Amino acid sequence: MKTKFGNNEIILETGKMAKQANGSVAVQYGGTMVLVTACMSKEPREGQGFFPLTVEYQEKTYAAGKIPGGFFKREGRPSESEILTARLIDRPIRPLFPEGLLNEVQIMAIVLSSDGENDSDILAVIGASAALSISDIPFNGPLACCRVGRVDNQFILNPTYAQLENSDLDLVVVANNKGIVMLESKSKEVSEKIFLESVKFGFENLQPIIILQEEFRKLCGKEKAVVELRKTNAELQGKIEE
């Protein structure tokens, strides 16, 4: 399925790769494509006292048509950019899981292709939401993500790397149909009014992506699994509140 998203179309595909995952989605925007998989354990680990969510994001050099050179012929540990992108995925999706879920959940995002113009981090967030939405993993989604730039006093949706060089704003907006879920930004001292306008611009442009995911879920989504949620000890909670 696809829809217009800024200067390009965003395309969601499933069923071709990672078929054993609970949910897998390939997201394409321009010449950049990211594969995101979502997996959940059938039972919580014994003695587990927290929600074990793991998010990983990988950029391999083959995605840009290159092979590592020099002494090291293989890629090593995750780069700073990969770690920050994994956190970018983690933060908005973590609060949307049911409270008390203790089953282990793993989100893996791998960049399959990079066109050198469009950043893959935005696609990874959308892919994580889409993969969770069509899977049988309990998830209160979907959500969508975009980047907002500003060049010559005009807002740009999902600016390219070249456009960001001349932009006085770099804002990442993550939202669902109810409101903003997360913001991350850096800017060159823009006014509060401009910043609020950029957030509104991003939120409005994300709504078609949320609708696309909802239609995608109706078309190929699985029935959500029934999992046992940990219940808070009412007596203990009462003592803490006192």
Protein backbone atom coordinates (compact mmCIF):
# COMPACT_ATOMS: atom_id res chain seq x y z
CA MET A 1 0.00 0.00 0.00
CA LYS A 2 1.19 3.54 -0.65
CA THR A 3 0.30 7.19 -0.21
CA LYS A 4 1.82 10.61 -0.91
CA PHE A 5 4.19 11.77 1.84
CA GLY A 6 6.04 15.00 1.11
CA ASN A 7 7.90 14.89 -2.20
CA ASN A 8 7.70 11.11 -2.55
CA GLU A 9 5.33 8.23 -2.01
CA ILE A 10 5.72 6.02 1.03
CA ILE A 11 5.17 2.32 0.34
CA LEU A 12 4.36 -0.39 2.92
CA GLU A 13 4.90 -4.07 2.03
CA THR A 14 4.63 -7.31 3.98
CA GLY A 15 4.69 -11.06 3.35
CA LYS A 16 7.91 -11.24 1.30
CA MET A 17 10.62 -11.15 4.00
CA ALA A 18 10.94 -12.29 7.64
CA LYS A 19 7.79 -14.42 7.46
CA GLN A 20 8.46 -16.10 10.82
CA ALA A 21 8.29 -12.81 12.72
CA ASN A 22 5.06 -11.86 14.47
CA GLY A 23 4.98 -8.87 12.13
CA SER A 24 7.33 -7.61 9.42
CA VAL A 25 7.05 -4.57 7.16
CA ALA A 26 9.30 -3.13 4.47
CA VAL A 27 8.97 0.67 4.21
CA GLN A 28 10.18 2.46 1.08
CA TYR A 29 10.53 6.20 0.49
CA GLY A 30 12.30 7.26 -2.67
CA GLY A 31 15.27 4.91 -3.03
CA THR A 32 15.55 4.25 0.71
CA MET A 33 14.05 1.05 2.14
CA VAL A 34 13.97 -0.27 5.71
CA LEU A 35 12.85 -3.72 6.88
CA VAL A 36 11.36 -3.77 10.39
CA THR A 37 10.40 -6.93 12.26
CA ALA A 38 8.50 -7.34 15.53
CA CYS A 39 8.71 -10.51 17.63
CA MET A 40 7.24 -11.46 21.01
CA SER A 41 7.88 -14.43 23.29
CA LYS A 42 4.91 -16.70 23.96
CA GLU A 43 5.38 -16.61 27.73
CA PRO A 44 7.03 -14.12 30.11
CA ARG A 45 10.32 -15.16 31.64
CA GLU A 46 9.95 -16.52 35.18
CA GLY A 47 10.72 -13.83 37.76
CA GLN A 48 10.47 -11.03 35.18
CA GLY A 49 9.64 -7.76 36.92
CA PHE A 50 9.71 -5.27 34.02
CA PHE A 51 8.70 -4.98 30.37
CA PRO A 52 11.69 -6.33 28.33
CA LEU A 53 11.52 -4.31 25.11
CA THR A 54 14.60 -4.41 22.87
CA VAL A 55 15.00 -2.14 19.85
CA GLU A 56 17.89 -2.41 17.38
CA TYR A 57 18.59 -0.40 14.24
CA GLN A 58 21.31 -1.33 11.75
CA GLU A 59 22.82 0.47 8.78
CA LYS A 60 24.96 -1.84 6.66
CA THR A 61 27.32 -0.42 4.06
CA TYR A 62 25.79 -2.68 1.39
CA ALA A 63 22.65 -0.49 1.63
CA ALA A 64 24.69 2.27 -0.05
CA GLY A 65 26.37 -0.15 -2.49
CA LYS A 66 29.70 -0.18 -0.63
CA ILE A 67 32.01 -2.74 0.94
CA PRO A 68 34.03 -1.93 4.11
CA GLY A 69 37.67 -1.29 3.25
CA GLY A 70 40.88 -1.01 5.22
CA PHE A 71 42.02 -3.43 7.95
CA PHE A 72 38.47 -4.23 9.17
CA LYS A 73 36.47 -5.96 6.46
CA ARG A 74 33.36 -6.29 8.62
CA GLU A 75 31.13 -3.81 10.40
CA GLY A 76 31.68 -3.52 14.12
CA ARG A 77 29.58 -2.28 17.00
CA PRO A 78 26.63 0.08 16.38
CA SER A 79 27.57 3.65 15.54
CA GLU A 80 26.36 6.63 17.54
CA SER A 81 23.81 7.37 14.82
CA GLU A 82 22.43 3.81 14.96
CA ILE A 83 22.11 3.94 18.75
CA LEU A 84 20.30 7.28 18.64
CA THR A 85 17.91 6.02 15.95
CA ALA A 86 17.14 2.91 18.02
CA ARG A 87 16.24 5.24 20.89
CA LEU A 88 14.14 7.32 18.49
CA ILE A 89 12.10 4.18 17.76
CA ASP A 90 11.96 3.04 21.38
CA ARG A 91 10.67 6.21 23.02
CA PRO A 92 7.35 6.66 21.18
CA ILE A 93 6.34 2.98 20.99
CA ARG A 94 7.19 1.96 24.59
CA PRO A 95 4.24 3.78 26.27
CA LEU A 96 1.76 2.27 23.78
CA PHE A 97 2.16 -1.31 25.02
CA PRO A 98 -0.38 -2.52 27.61
CA GLU A 99 0.59 -1.81 31.21
CA GLY A 100 1.71 -5.01 32.88
CA LEU A 101 2.98 -6.73 29.71
CA LEU A 102 6.00 -8.87 30.64
CA ASN A 103 6.50 -10.90 27.44
CA GLU A 104 9.80 -10.12 25.74
CA VAL A 105 9.37 -7.95 22.62
CA GLN A 106 12.11 -7.32 20.05
CA ILE A 107 12.01 -4.72 17.28
CA MET A 108 14.69 -5.04 14.59
CA ALA A 109 15.13 -2.39 11.87
CA ILE A 110 17.61 -2.98 9.05
CA VAL A 111 18.32 -0.53 6.23
CA LEU A 112 18.15 -2.52 2.98
CA SER A 113 18.78 0.38 0.61
CA SER A 114 19.84 4.02 0.91
CA ASP A 115 19.55 6.57 -1.87
CA GLY A 116 21.83 9.07 -0.13
CA GLU A 117 19.05 11.68 -0.04
CA ASN A 118 16.33 10.48 2.34
CA ASP A 119 17.11 9.60 5.95
CA SER A 120 16.04 6.10 6.99
CA ASP A 121 15.36 6.92 10.66
CA ILE A 122 11.85 8.25 9.93
CA LEU A 123 11.03 5.10 7.94
CA ALA A 124 12.26 2.90 10.79
CA VAL A 125 9.81 4.49 13.25
CA ILE A 126 6.90 4.16 10.82
CA GLY A 127 7.95 0.58 10.05
CA ALA A 128 8.05 -0.33 13.75
CA SER A 129 4.52 1.00 14.21
CA ALA A 130 3.25 -0.80 11.10
CA ALA A 131 4.91 -4.10 12.04
CA LEU A 132 3.45 -3.98 15.54
CA SER A 133 0.04 -2.97 14.20
CA ILE A 134 -0.30 -5.91 11.80
CA SER A 135 1.24 -8.40 14.25
CA ASP A 136 -0.55 -10.27 17.05
CA ILE A 137 1.44 -8.29 19.64
CA PRO A 138 -0.78 -6.11 21.86
CA PHE A 139 -0.08 -2.51 20.82
CA ASN A 140 -2.13 0.68 21.12
CA GLY A 141 -1.13 2.12 17.75
CA PRO A 142 -0.55 3.04 15.05
CA LEU A 143 1.65 6.13 15.15
CA ALA A 144 3.54 8.00 12.46
CA CYS A 145 6.77 9.97 12.23
CA CYS A 146 8.12 12.76 10.04
CA ARG A 147 10.94 15.32 9.92
CA VAL A 148 10.18 19.00 9.45
CA GLY A 149 12.73 21.44 8.03
CA ARG A 150 12.51 25.17 7.25
CA VAL A 151 14.24 26.80 4.28
CA ASP A 152 13.53 30.40 3.16
CA ASN A 153 10.73 30.65 5.73
CA GLN A 154 8.93 27.67 4.21
CA PHE A 155 8.32 24.39 6.04
CA ILE A 156 9.56 21.26 4.27
CA LEU A 157 8.20 17.79 5.03
CA ASN A 158 10.95 15.15 5.19
CA PRO A 159 13.77 17.34 3.85
CA THR A 160 16.69 15.67 2.10
CA TYR A 161 20.21 15.76 3.54
CA ALA A 162 21.03 18.67 1.18
CA GLN A 163 17.98 20.66 2.26
CA LEU A 164 18.83 20.14 5.93
CA GLU A 165 22.19 21.83 5.34
CA ASN A 166 20.32 25.10 4.67
CA SER A 167 17.52 24.55 7.19
CA ASP A 168 17.27 26.53 10.43
CA LEU A 169 15.08 23.79 11.94
CA ASP A 170 15.41 20.03 12.28
CA LEU A 171 12.30 18.71 14.02
CA VAL A 172 11.16 15.09 14.36
CA VAL A 173 7.44 14.76 15.13
CA VAL A 174 5.86 11.46 16.23
CA ALA A 175 2.09 11.41 16.64
CA ASN A 176 -1.01 9.22 16.64
CA ASN A 177 -4.52 10.32 15.73
CA LYS A 178 -5.06 11.75 19.21
CA GLY A 179 -2.04 14.03 19.46
CA ILE A 180 1.72 14.36 19.73
CA VAL A 181 3.57 11.36 21.18
CA MET A 182 7.16 12.63 21.00
CA LEU A 183 9.21 15.57 19.75
CA GLU A 184 12.94 15.77 19.09
CA SER A 185 14.53 18.84 17.58
CA LYS A 186 17.46 21.15 17.08
CA SER A 187 17.24 24.61 15.58
CA LYS A 188 19.04 27.88 15.01
CA GLU A 189 17.12 30.01 17.49
CA VAL A 190 13.71 30.00 15.82
CA SER A 191 10.86 31.75 17.65
CA GLU A 192 8.34 29.89 19.78
CA LYS A 193 5.60 30.77 17.28
CA ILE A 194 7.50 29.22 14.37
CA PHE A 195 8.29 26.13 16.40
CA LEU A 196 4.63 25.62 17.34
CA GLU A 197 3.63 26.11 13.70
CA SER A 198 6.19 23.48 12.64
CA VAL A 199 4.77 20.99 15.16
CA LYS A 200 1.25 21.62 13.82
CA PHE A 201 2.55 21.26 10.24
CA GLY A 202 4.12 17.90 11.08
CA PHE A 203 1.05 16.61 12.97
CA GLU A 204 -1.32 17.45 10.11
CA ASN A 205 0.90 15.74 7.53
CA LEU A 206 1.13 12.58 9.64
CA GLN A 207 -2.60 11.85 9.63
CA PRO A 208 -2.60 10.25 6.12
CA ILE A 209 0.22 7.92 7.27
CA ILE A 210 -1.83 6.84 10.29
CA ILE A 211 -4.86 6.19 8.06
CA LEU A 212 -2.60 4.21 5.67
CA GLN A 213 -1.45 1.98 8.54
CA GLU A 214 -5.02 1.45 9.75
CA GLU A 215 -6.04 0.31 6.25
CA PHE A 216 -2.87 -1.82 6.06
CA ARG A 217 -3.83 -3.49 9.36
CA LYS A 218 -7.38 -4.21 8.13
CA LEU A 219 -5.96 -5.77 4.97
CA CYS A 220 -3.26 -8.03 6.43
CA GLY A 221 -3.31 -7.69 10.24
CA LYS A 222 -3.41 -10.64 12.63
CA GLU A 223 -5.78 -11.01 15.56
CA LYS A 224 -4.13 -9.74 18.74
CA ALA A 225 -2.86 -12.41 21.11
CA VAL A 226 -4.36 -12.72 24.57
CA VAL A 227 -1.51 -12.34 27.06
CA GLU A 228 -1.51 -12.35 30.83
CA LEU A 229 -0.76 -8.89 32.22
CA ARG A 230 0.83 -8.35 35.61
CA LYS A 231 -1.61 -6.82 38.06
CA THR A 232 -0.46 -4.36 40.69
CA ASN A 233 -0.86 -5.46 44.30
CA ALA A 234 -3.77 -3.29 45.46
CA GLU A 235 -2.74 -3.50 49.13
CA LEU A 236 0.85 -2.47 48.35
CA GLN A 237 -0.33 0.39 46.15
CA GLY A 238 -2.58 1.64 48.94
CA LYS A 239 0.33 1.70 51.40
CA ILE A 240 2.50 3.61 48.91
CA GLU A 241 -0.25 6.17 48.30
CA GLU A 242 -0.64 6.69 52.06
